[in-house]
Every structure is written in C-alpha cells, then in structure tokens.
Amino acid sequence: MEETLKVFGHNEKIANKILIIGGGNIGFNLASNIENNFEEARVKIIEKDKNRAEFIANYLNDTIVINGNGLDEDVLNEANLDEVETVLALTNDDEDNLMVSVLVEKFSKNKRTMALVNKPNYSLLQSSLKIDDLIDPRMSTVSSILKHVHKGTIENAYTILNGEYEVIEADILETSELVNKELKNADLPDEIRVGAILRDNKFILPSSKYIFQKDDTVVLLAKRDQLPLVENLFRISSI
C-alpha cells in the first residue's frame, strides 16, 4: 500500500501529517483508510457542516475533526497548517477547492496540495495556481469500469492520489460471490481495501468478521491494476 501513496510524501512513505478539507464521502473514506492502514499518519479534517463533522468524529477514532470553513485563515491556523505536509481540498465546490489550495500556498509554503475539480477547464489553472495535483472524479476510469458491468451496480468511482487509486462505491447484488461471505474470507488482495459499508442508510466500518449481504453498498479503495477484479466482484453474473 505504501508505494501507491507516494504523493503524500517522499521515499515511498505516507506523509505523517495530512489535512483534508471537506468531510464528504471521498474525504471521509480516505481518512478512514489512512487511519486503518498507516499508524504513523495523522489526519485532520475540516468540515463546515456541524452535523457532518460530528458524524465523522463519531466514526473515526484517530482523526481530528474541526468544524469550520477551510477558507477561513483562523480555521487553518487551528488545524496547525504550518505542521501539515499535504493538504487535500475535497469539498463539493470546485472554486472552494481551488481557493483553499491557493490560500495554503499563500499562508504556508512547501505544502503538497491537491484539489478535487469537476470542471475540465480548471485543469488549465493548475500551473498558474501552483497546485500539485488536480483530482478529476469524471476521468475515463469511470466509464472504463461501467462498460464491463452488466448493470449499474458501481454507483461512483473517483480517481485519487495522482491516478494510482480509485475510490469506488458499488452495490452488492444477490448473485455476487461476496454475499454471505466474511470480509476476512473474501480473498481480497492488499491493493483492495474495504473502507466502509452503507447498509439501511447507516455507515459501518467493517471488521474482519463482517458478513457481506445483498444490497450492501461497499466503499473501497483499489489500486488501478486491481480494477478488473473489482469489476468481476460486482457483475450480475459470471458470464
């Protein structure tokens, strides 16, 4: 896993101090995965919605959650921006994500910055705004996954970490080989990590004994070269 997360730091190791702006599904699941797999990493999330911030704080044990606006200099100072190595702007607003990255560059130099953007034209601003990486959730990887799936069981797919990984939301159908199987017996490679399960509108952080059920929505992190396996797991049938 470490070698796929070079973008967080150097020498193929994850950065020790990471700040995520935006506690939506992408930010939440990224923080959860880092928390569960990289003991040395310390993650902070800034989320402006109070209820969402409380939700994240209740589910993540080692992640510091700050309720505030990532565009507010005082909030960034509260997050000890000077000590952070990598900043990921992952809100649902392209402009906010770009502005956060610009502010980070202004207030604290030598930070690695990443911004989630939906509008393709914003890629032209990357160099002038001095943003290290733009994350495009609509990259061709979404269609490349869906074209191999018989039905819309894969709900969303987002490219992150400079294209090395995909965050994928997928529904488990009755015919999936995962149904009634414990996570520890799913034979998933290390490059595929289950971050969370959505069942009956409730988020579950699964243990190794978690049993997959029909209609579960699985949020997982998969390395790009593992996408064929992901596709097979969420097909309607094996044909």
C-alpha atoms as a PDB file:
ATOM      1  CA  MET A   1       0.000   0.000   0.000  1.00  0.00           C
ATOM      2  CA  GLU A   2       2.744   2.481   0.902  1.00  0.00           C
ATOM      3  CA  GLU A   3       4.265   2.557  -2.574  1.00  0.00           C
ATOM      4  CA  THR A   4       0.928   3.600  -4.094  1.00  0.00           C
ATOM      5  CA  LEU A   5       0.699   6.626  -1.824  1.00  0.00           C
ATOM      6  CA  LYS A   6       3.926   8.380  -2.787  1.00  0.00           C
ATOM      7  CA  VAL A   7       2.010  11.565  -3.438  1.00  0.00           C
ATOM      8  CA  PHE A   8       1.637  12.111   0.283  1.00  0.00           C
ATOM      9  CA  GLY A   9       5.360  12.299   0.950  1.00  0.00           C
ATOM     10  CA  HIS A  10       8.765  11.024  -0.004  1.00  0.00           C
ATOM     11  CA  ASN A  11      10.726   7.767  -0.084  1.00  0.00           C
ATOM     12  CA  GLU A  12       7.558   5.777  -0.781  1.00  0.00           C
ATOM     13  CA  LYS A  13       6.091   6.510   2.644  1.00  0.00           C
ATOM     14  CA  ILE A  14       2.884   8.257   3.515  1.00  0.00           C
ATOM     15  CA  ALA A  15       3.198  11.759   4.939  1.00  0.00           C
ATOM     16  CA  ASN A  16       2.907  11.907   8.704  1.00  0.00           C
ATOM     17  CA  LYS A  17       0.593  14.919   8.794  1.00  0.00           C
ATOM     18  CA  ILE A  18      -2.312  15.274   6.382  1.00  0.00           C
ATOM     19  CA  LEU A  19      -5.085  17.863   6.254  1.00  0.00           C
ATOM     20  CA  ILE A  20      -8.325  17.139   4.397  1.00  0.00           C
ATOM     21  CA  ILE A  21     -10.705  19.981   3.597  1.00  0.00           C
ATOM     22  CA  GLY A  22     -14.221  18.600   3.182  1.00  0.00           C
ATOM     23  CA  GLY A  23     -15.713  15.652   5.006  1.00  0.00           C
ATOM     24  CA  GLY A  24     -17.875  14.261   2.210  1.00  0.00           C
ATOM     25  CA  ASN A  25     -17.705  10.636   1.116  1.00  0.00           C
ATOM     26  CA  ILE A  26     -14.302  10.998  -0.516  1.00  0.00           C
ATOM     27  CA  GLY A  27     -12.703  12.814   2.399  1.00  0.00           C
ATOM     28  CA  PHE A  28     -14.295  10.551   4.983  1.00  0.00           C
ATOM     29  CA  ASN A  29     -13.298   7.308   3.288  1.00  0.00           C
ATOM     30  CA  LEU A  30      -9.791   8.498   2.504  1.00  0.00           C
ATOM     31  CA  ALA A  31      -9.278   9.439   6.155  1.00  0.00           C
ATOM     32  CA  SER A  32     -10.731   6.116   7.275  1.00  0.00           C
ATOM     33  CA  ASN A  33      -8.396   4.145   5.042  1.00  0.00           C
ATOM     34  CA  ILE A  34      -5.327   6.078   6.127  1.00  0.00           C
ATOM     35  CA  GLU A  35      -6.325   5.743   9.775  1.00  0.00           C
ATOM     36  CA  ASN A  36      -6.790   1.991   9.458  1.00  0.00           C
ATOM     37  CA  ASN A  37      -3.666   1.229   7.448  1.00  0.00           C
ATOM     38  CA  PHE A  38      -0.984   3.757   8.333  1.00  0.00           C
ATOM     39  CA  GLU A  39      -0.343   4.015  12.054  1.00  0.00           C
ATOM     40  CA  GLU A  40       2.297   6.704  11.660  1.00  0.00           C
ATOM     41  CA  ALA A  41      -0.003   9.065   9.753  1.00  0.00           C
ATOM     42  CA  ARG A  42      -2.011  11.784  11.488  1.00  0.00           C
ATOM     43  CA  VAL A  43      -5.070  13.114   9.699  1.00  0.00           C
ATOM     44  CA  LYS A  44      -7.174  16.198  10.325  1.00  0.00           C
ATOM     45  CA  ILE A  45     -10.444  17.025   8.569  1.00  0.00           C
ATOM     46  CA  ILE A  46     -12.026  20.463   8.303  1.00  0.00           C
ATOM     47  CA  GLU A  47     -15.791  20.197   7.688  1.00  0.00           C
ATOM     48  CA  LYS A  48     -18.060  23.233   7.765  1.00  0.00           C
ATOM     49  CA  ASP A  49     -21.329  21.357   8.352  1.00  0.00           C
ATOM     50  CA  LYS A  50     -21.685  20.776  12.094  1.00  0.00           C
ATOM     51  CA  ASN A  51     -23.772  17.601  11.852  1.00  0.00           C
ATOM     52  CA  ARG A  52     -21.433  16.063   9.305  1.00  0.00           C
ATOM     53  CA  ALA A  53     -18.417  16.985  11.424  1.00  0.00           C
ATOM     54  CA  GLU A  54     -19.997  15.285  14.437  1.00  0.00           C
ATOM     55  CA  PHE A  55     -20.772  12.203  12.345  1.00  0.00           C
ATOM     56  CA  ILE A  56     -17.162  11.903  11.184  1.00  0.00           C
ATOM     57  CA  ALA A  57     -15.819  12.473  14.688  1.00  0.00           C
ATOM     58  CA  ASN A  58     -18.004   9.651  15.999  1.00  0.00           C
ATOM     59  CA  TYR A  59     -16.770   7.144  13.412  1.00  0.00           C
ATOM     60  CA  LEU A  60     -13.071   7.945  13.150  1.00  0.00           C
ATOM     61  CA  ASN A  61     -11.008   7.259  16.243  1.00  0.00           C
ATOM     62  CA  ASP A  62      -7.666   8.868  15.458  1.00  0.00           C
ATOM     63  CA  THR A  63      -8.681  11.637  13.068  1.00  0.00           C
ATOM     64  CA  ILE A  64      -9.051  15.168  14.425  1.00  0.00           C
ATOM     65  CA  VAL A  65     -12.214  16.821  13.097  1.00  0.00           C
ATOM     66  CA  ILE A  66     -12.542  20.602  13.049  1.00  0.00           C
ATOM     67  CA  ASN A  67     -15.929  22.204  12.412  1.00  0.00           C
ATOM     68  CA  GLY A  68     -15.231  25.254  10.277  1.00  0.00           C
ATOM     69  CA  ASN A  69     -14.664  26.709   6.830  1.00  0.00           C
ATOM     70  CA  GLY A  70     -11.418  25.730   5.138  1.00  0.00           C
ATOM     71  CA  LEU A  71     -11.292  29.177   3.538  1.00  0.00           C
ATOM     72  CA  ASP A  72     -11.035  30.800   6.965  1.00  0.00           C
ATOM     73  CA  GLU A  73      -7.446  31.587   7.922  1.00  0.00           C
ATOM     74  CA  ASP A  74      -8.241  31.177  11.617  1.00  0.00           C
ATOM     75  CA  VAL A  75      -9.601  27.690  10.982  1.00  0.00           C
ATOM     76  CA  LEU A  76      -6.485  26.751   9.015  1.00  0.00           C
ATOM     77  CA  ASN A  77      -4.363  28.022  11.887  1.00  0.00           C
ATOM     78  CA  GLU A  78      -6.426  25.932  14.299  1.00  0.00           C
ATOM     79  CA  ALA A  79      -5.504  22.929  12.179  1.00  0.00           C
ATOM     80  CA  ASN A  80      -1.806  23.848  12.609  1.00  0.00           C
ATOM     81  CA  LEU A  81      -1.304  24.324   8.889  1.00  0.00           C
ATOM     82  CA  ASP A  82       2.400  25.053   9.364  1.00  0.00           C
ATOM     83  CA  GLU A  83       2.929  21.473  10.571  1.00  0.00           C
ATOM     84  CA  VAL A  84       0.960  19.815   7.769  1.00  0.00           C
ATOM     85  CA  GLU A  85       2.778  18.137   4.877  1.00  0.00           C
ATOM     86  CA  THR A  86      -0.109  17.507   2.470  1.00  0.00           C
ATOM     87  CA  VAL A  87      -3.424  19.322   2.004  1.00  0.00           C
ATOM     88  CA  LEU A  88      -6.299  17.774   0.061  1.00  0.00           C
ATOM     89  CA  ALA A  89      -9.245  20.025  -0.842  1.00  0.00           C
ATOM     90  CA  LEU A  90     -12.112  17.584  -1.353  1.00  0.00           C
ATOM     91  CA  THR A  91     -15.286  19.637  -0.931  1.00  0.00           C
ATOM     92  CA  ASN A  92     -18.171  19.538  -3.409  1.00  0.00           C
ATOM     93  CA  ASP A  93     -17.320  23.029  -4.656  1.00  0.00           C
ATOM     94  CA  ASP A  94     -14.612  23.365  -7.318  1.00  0.00           C
ATOM     95  CA  GLU A  95     -13.987  27.025  -6.598  1.00  0.00           C
ATOM     96  CA  ASP A  96     -13.612  26.414  -2.873  1.00  0.00           C
ATOM     97  CA  ASN A  97     -11.141  23.621  -3.535  1.00  0.00           C
ATOM     98  CA  LEU A  98      -9.031  25.830  -5.778  1.00  0.00           C
ATOM     99  CA  MET A  99      -9.170  28.755  -3.363  1.00  0.00           C
ATOM    100  CA  VAL A 100      -8.169  26.584  -0.412  1.00  0.00           C
ATOM    101  CA  SER A 101      -5.130  25.390  -2.349  1.00  0.00           C
ATOM    102  CA  VAL A 102      -4.183  28.981  -3.197  1.00  0.00           C
ATOM    103  CA  LEU A 103      -4.581  30.052   0.437  1.00  0.00           C
ATOM    104  CA  VAL A 104      -2.440  27.167   1.623  1.00  0.00           C
ATOM    105  CA  GLU A 105       0.307  28.260  -0.766  1.00  0.00           C
ATOM    106  CA  LYS A 106      -0.026  31.843   0.467  1.00  0.00           C
ATOM    107  CA  PHE A 107      -0.088  31.139   4.194  1.00  0.00           C
ATOM    108  CA  SER A 108       2.315  28.233   4.380  1.00  0.00           C
ATOM    109  CA  LYS A 109       4.899  27.364   1.730  1.00  0.00           C
ATOM    110  CA  ASN A 110       6.185  23.954   0.701  1.00  0.00           C
ATOM    111  CA  LYS A 111       2.939  22.035   1.182  1.00  0.00           C
ATOM    112  CA  ARG A 112       1.781  19.443  -1.285  1.00  0.00           C
ATOM    113  CA  THR A 113      -1.685  20.499  -2.448  1.00  0.00           C
ATOM    114  CA  MET A 114      -4.411  18.516  -4.188  1.00  0.00           C
ATOM    115  CA  ALA A 115      -7.804  19.808  -5.293  1.00  0.00           C
ATOM    116  CA  LEU A 116     -10.907  17.944  -6.415  1.00  0.00           C
ATOM    117  CA  VAL A 117     -12.372  19.578  -9.537  1.00  0.00           C
ATOM    118  CA  ASN A 118     -15.296  18.607 -11.752  1.00  0.00           C
ATOM    119  CA  LYS A 119     -14.898  21.257 -14.451  1.00  0.00           C
ATOM    120  CA  PRO A 120     -12.280  20.224 -17.055  1.00  0.00           C
ATOM    121  CA  ASN A 121     -11.335  23.818 -17.875  1.00  0.00           C
ATOM    122  CA  TYR A 122      -9.934  24.278 -14.397  1.00  0.00           C
ATOM    123  CA  SER A 123      -7.057  21.989 -15.324  1.00  0.00           C
ATOM    124  CA  LEU A 124      -5.646  24.949 -17.246  1.00  0.00           C
ATOM    125  CA  LEU A 125      -5.224  26.798 -13.949  1.00  0.00           C
ATOM    126  CA  GLN A 126      -3.181  24.131 -12.204  1.00  0.00           C
ATOM    127  CA  SER A 127       0.223  25.546 -13.080  1.00  0.00           C
ATOM    128  CA  SER A 128      -0.611  29.202 -12.510  1.00  0.00           C
ATOM    129  CA  LEU A 129      -2.255  28.431  -9.158  1.00  0.00           C
ATOM    130  CA  LYS A 130       0.701  26.237  -8.138  1.00  0.00           C
ATOM    131  CA  ILE A 131      -1.475  23.240  -7.268  1.00  0.00           C
ATOM    132  CA  ASP A 132       0.426  19.960  -7.293  1.00  0.00           C
ATOM    133  CA  ASP A 133      -2.415  17.653  -8.348  1.00  0.00           C
ATOM    134  CA  LEU A 134      -5.973  18.070  -9.617  1.00  0.00           C
ATOM    135  CA  ILE A 135      -8.315  15.169  -8.893  1.00  0.00           C
ATOM    136  CA  ASP A 136     -10.942  14.678 -11.593  1.00  0.00           C
ATOM    137  CA  PRO A 137     -13.833  12.415 -10.475  1.00  0.00           C
ATOM    138  CA  ARG A 138     -15.063  12.179 -14.060  1.00  0.00           C
ATOM    139  CA  MET A 139     -11.941  10.690 -15.571  1.00  0.00           C
ATOM    140  CA  SER A 140     -12.267   7.911 -18.118  1.00  0.00           C
ATOM    141  CA  THR A 141     -11.796   5.334 -15.376  1.00  0.00           C
ATOM    142  CA  VAL A 142     -15.480   5.695 -14.501  1.00  0.00           C
ATOM    143  CA  SER A 143     -16.645   4.712 -17.976  1.00  0.00           C
ATOM    144  CA  SER A 144     -13.955   2.061 -18.280  1.00  0.00           C
ATOM    145  CA  ILE A 145     -15.376   0.345 -15.214  1.00  0.00           C
ATOM    146  CA  LEU A 146     -19.021   0.726 -16.165  1.00  0.00           C
ATOM    147  CA  LYS A 147     -18.579  -0.692 -19.667  1.00  0.00           C
ATOM    148  CA  HIS A 148     -17.574  -4.034 -18.121  1.00  0.00           C
ATOM    149  CA  VAL A 149     -20.571  -4.159 -15.783  1.00  0.00           C
ATOM    150  CA  HIS A 150     -23.890  -5.596 -16.930  1.00  0.00           C
ATOM    151  CA  LYS A 151     -25.941  -3.279 -14.749  1.00  0.00           C
ATOM    152  CA  GLY A 152     -25.341  -0.091 -12.748  1.00  0.00           C
ATOM    153  CA  THR A 153     -24.005  -1.804  -9.647  1.00  0.00           C
ATOM    154  CA  ILE A 154     -20.999   0.503  -9.478  1.00  0.00           C
ATOM    155  CA  GLU A 155     -22.504   3.795  -8.378  1.00  0.00           C
ATOM    156  CA  ASN A 156     -19.460   6.075  -8.340  1.00  0.00           C
ATOM    157  CA  ALA A 157     -15.743   5.955  -8.965  1.00  0.00           C
ATOM    158  CA  TYR A 158     -13.235   8.670  -8.179  1.00  0.00           C
ATOM    159  CA  THR A 159      -9.611   8.835  -9.191  1.00  0.00           C
ATOM    160  CA  ILE A 160      -7.342   9.981  -6.359  1.00  0.00           C
ATOM    161  CA  LEU A 161      -3.692  10.046  -5.372  1.00  0.00           C
ATOM    162  CA  ASN A 162      -2.386  11.097  -8.787  1.00  0.00           C
ATOM    163  CA  GLY A 163      -4.275   8.339 -10.580  1.00  0.00           C
ATOM    164  CA  GLU A 164      -2.834   5.468  -8.552  1.00  0.00           C
ATOM    165  CA  TYR A 165      -6.050   4.595  -6.745  1.00  0.00           C
ATOM    166  CA  GLU A 166      -9.819   4.614  -7.254  1.00  0.00           C
ATOM    167  CA  VAL A 167     -12.388   5.220  -4.544  1.00  0.00           C
ATOM    168  CA  ILE A 168     -15.355   3.113  -5.647  1.00  0.00           C
ATOM    169  CA  GLU A 169     -18.925   2.851  -4.383  1.00  0.00           C
ATOM    170  CA  ALA A 170     -20.627  -0.343  -5.534  1.00  0.00           C
ATOM    171  CA  ASP A 171     -23.783  -2.283  -4.694  1.00  0.00           C
ATOM    172  CA  ILE A 172     -23.666  -5.997  -3.883  1.00  0.00           C
ATOM    173  CA  LEU A 173     -26.190  -7.982  -5.901  1.00  0.00           C
ATOM    174  CA  GLU A 174     -27.672 -11.315  -4.899  1.00  0.00           C
ATOM    175  CA  THR A 175     -25.503 -13.127  -7.433  1.00  0.00           C
ATOM    176  CA  SER A 176     -22.232 -11.616  -6.198  1.00  0.00           C
ATOM    177  CA  GLU A 177     -19.712 -14.044  -4.771  1.00  0.00           C
ATOM    178  CA  LEU A 178     -19.344 -11.716  -1.790  1.00  0.00           C
ATOM    179  CA  VAL A 179     -22.859 -12.389  -0.459  1.00  0.00           C
ATOM    180  CA  ASN A 180     -22.838 -14.142   2.945  1.00  0.00           C
ATOM    181  CA  LYS A 181     -19.040 -14.155   2.995  1.00  0.00           C
ATOM    182  CA  GLU A 182     -16.942 -12.710   5.816  1.00  0.00           C
ATOM    183  CA  LEU A 183     -14.558  -9.928   4.858  1.00  0.00           C
ATOM    184  CA  LYS A 184     -11.565 -11.967   6.019  1.00  0.00           C
ATOM    185  CA  ASN A 185     -12.607 -14.784   3.674  1.00  0.00           C
ATOM    186  CA  ALA A 186     -13.197 -12.574   0.647  1.00  0.00           C
ATOM    187  CA  ASP A 187      -9.629 -13.177  -0.579  1.00  0.00           C
ATOM    188  CA  LEU A 188      -9.122  -9.541  -1.460  1.00  0.00           C
ATOM    189  CA  PRO A 189      -5.527  -8.547  -2.256  1.00  0.00           C
ATOM    190  CA  ASP A 190      -3.761  -5.895  -0.203  1.00  0.00           C
ATOM    191  CA  GLU A 191      -4.292  -3.432  -3.050  1.00  0.00           C
ATOM    192  CA  ILE A 192      -8.070  -3.511  -2.447  1.00  0.00           C
ATOM    193  CA  ARG A 193      -9.231  -2.126   0.887  1.00  0.00           C
ATOM    194  CA  VAL A 194     -12.835  -2.011   2.064  1.00  0.00           C
ATOM    195  CA  GLY A 195     -13.250   1.328   3.826  1.00  0.00           C
ATOM    196  CA  ALA A 196     -16.925   1.374   4.741  1.00  0.00           C
ATOM    197  CA  ILE A 197     -20.303  -0.264   4.187  1.00  0.00           C
ATOM    198  CA  LEU A 198     -23.618   1.500   3.774  1.00  0.00           C
ATOM    199  CA  ARG A 199     -26.486  -0.699   4.978  1.00  0.00           C
ATOM    200  CA  ASP A 200     -30.008   0.588   5.663  1.00  0.00           C
ATOM    201  CA  ASN A 201     -28.711   4.173   5.474  1.00  0.00           C
ATOM    202  CA  LYS A 202     -26.124   3.501   8.193  1.00  0.00           C
ATOM    203  CA  PHE A 203     -22.347   3.686   7.766  1.00  0.00           C
ATOM    204  CA  ILE A 204     -20.458   0.661   9.054  1.00  0.00           C
ATOM    205  CA  LEU A 205     -16.692   0.411   9.436  1.00  0.00           C
ATOM    206  CA  PRO A 206     -16.333  -3.337   8.928  1.00  0.00           C
ATOM    207  CA  SER A 207     -14.191  -5.669  10.986  1.00  0.00           C
ATOM    208  CA  SER A 208     -12.614  -8.782   9.515  1.00  0.00           C
ATOM    209  CA  LYS A 209     -15.700 -10.741  10.640  1.00  0.00           C
ATOM    210  CA  TYR A 210     -18.155  -8.515   8.790  1.00  0.00           C
ATOM    211  CA  ILE A 211     -20.531 -10.573   6.604  1.00  0.00           C
ATOM    212  CA  PHE A 212     -21.482  -9.044   3.260  1.00  0.00           C
ATOM    213  CA  GLN A 213     -25.176  -9.004   2.434  1.00  0.00           C
ATOM    214  CA  LYS A 214     -27.251  -8.388  -0.657  1.00  0.00           C
ATOM    215  CA  ASP A 215     -27.888  -4.666  -1.283  1.00  0.00           C
ATOM    216  CA  ASP A 216     -24.895  -3.556   0.797  1.00  0.00           C
ATOM    217  CA  THR A 217     -23.149  -0.544  -0.710  1.00  0.00           C
ATOM    218  CA  VAL A 218     -19.406  -1.060  -0.420  1.00  0.00           C
ATOM    219  CA  VAL A 219     -16.941   1.822  -0.437  1.00  0.00           C
ATOM    220  CA  LEU A 220     -13.490   0.569  -1.295  1.00  0.00           C
ATOM    221  CA  LEU A 221     -10.077   1.824  -2.269  1.00  0.00           C
ATOM    222  CA  ALA A 222      -8.495  -0.070  -5.145  1.00  0.00           C
ATOM    223  CA  LYS A 223      -5.214   0.256  -6.973  1.00  0.00           C
ATOM    224  CA  ARG A 224      -5.703   0.830 -10.693  1.00  0.00           C
ATOM    225  CA  ASP A 225      -4.326  -2.570 -11.701  1.00  0.00           C
ATOM    226  CA  GLN A 226      -6.911  -4.281  -9.478  1.00  0.00           C
ATOM    227  CA  LEU A 227      -9.930  -2.799 -11.300  1.00  0.00           C
ATOM    228  CA  PRO A 228     -10.638  -5.992 -13.321  1.00  0.00           C
ATOM    229  CA  LEU A 229     -11.092  -7.880 -10.044  1.00  0.00           C
ATOM    230  CA  VAL A 230     -13.407  -5.164  -8.751  1.00  0.00           C
ATOM    231  CA  GLU A 231     -15.425  -5.373 -11.964  1.00  0.00           C
ATOM    232  CA  ASN A 232     -15.816  -9.135 -11.590  1.00  0.00           C
ATOM    233  CA  LEU A 233     -16.928  -8.877  -7.976  1.00  0.00           C
ATOM    234  CA  PHE A 234     -19.798  -6.583  -8.895  1.00  0.00           C
ATOM    235  CA  ARG A 235     -21.052  -8.226 -12.071  1.00  0.00           C
ATOM    236  CA  ILE A 236     -24.619  -9.537 -12.112  1.00  0.00           C
ATOM    237  CA  SER A 237     -23.306 -12.939 -13.096  1.00  0.00           C
ATOM    238  CA  SER A 238     -20.057 -14.557 -14.144  1.00  0.00           C
ATOM    239  CA  ILE A 239     -20.945 -14.604 -17.843  1.00  0.00           C
END
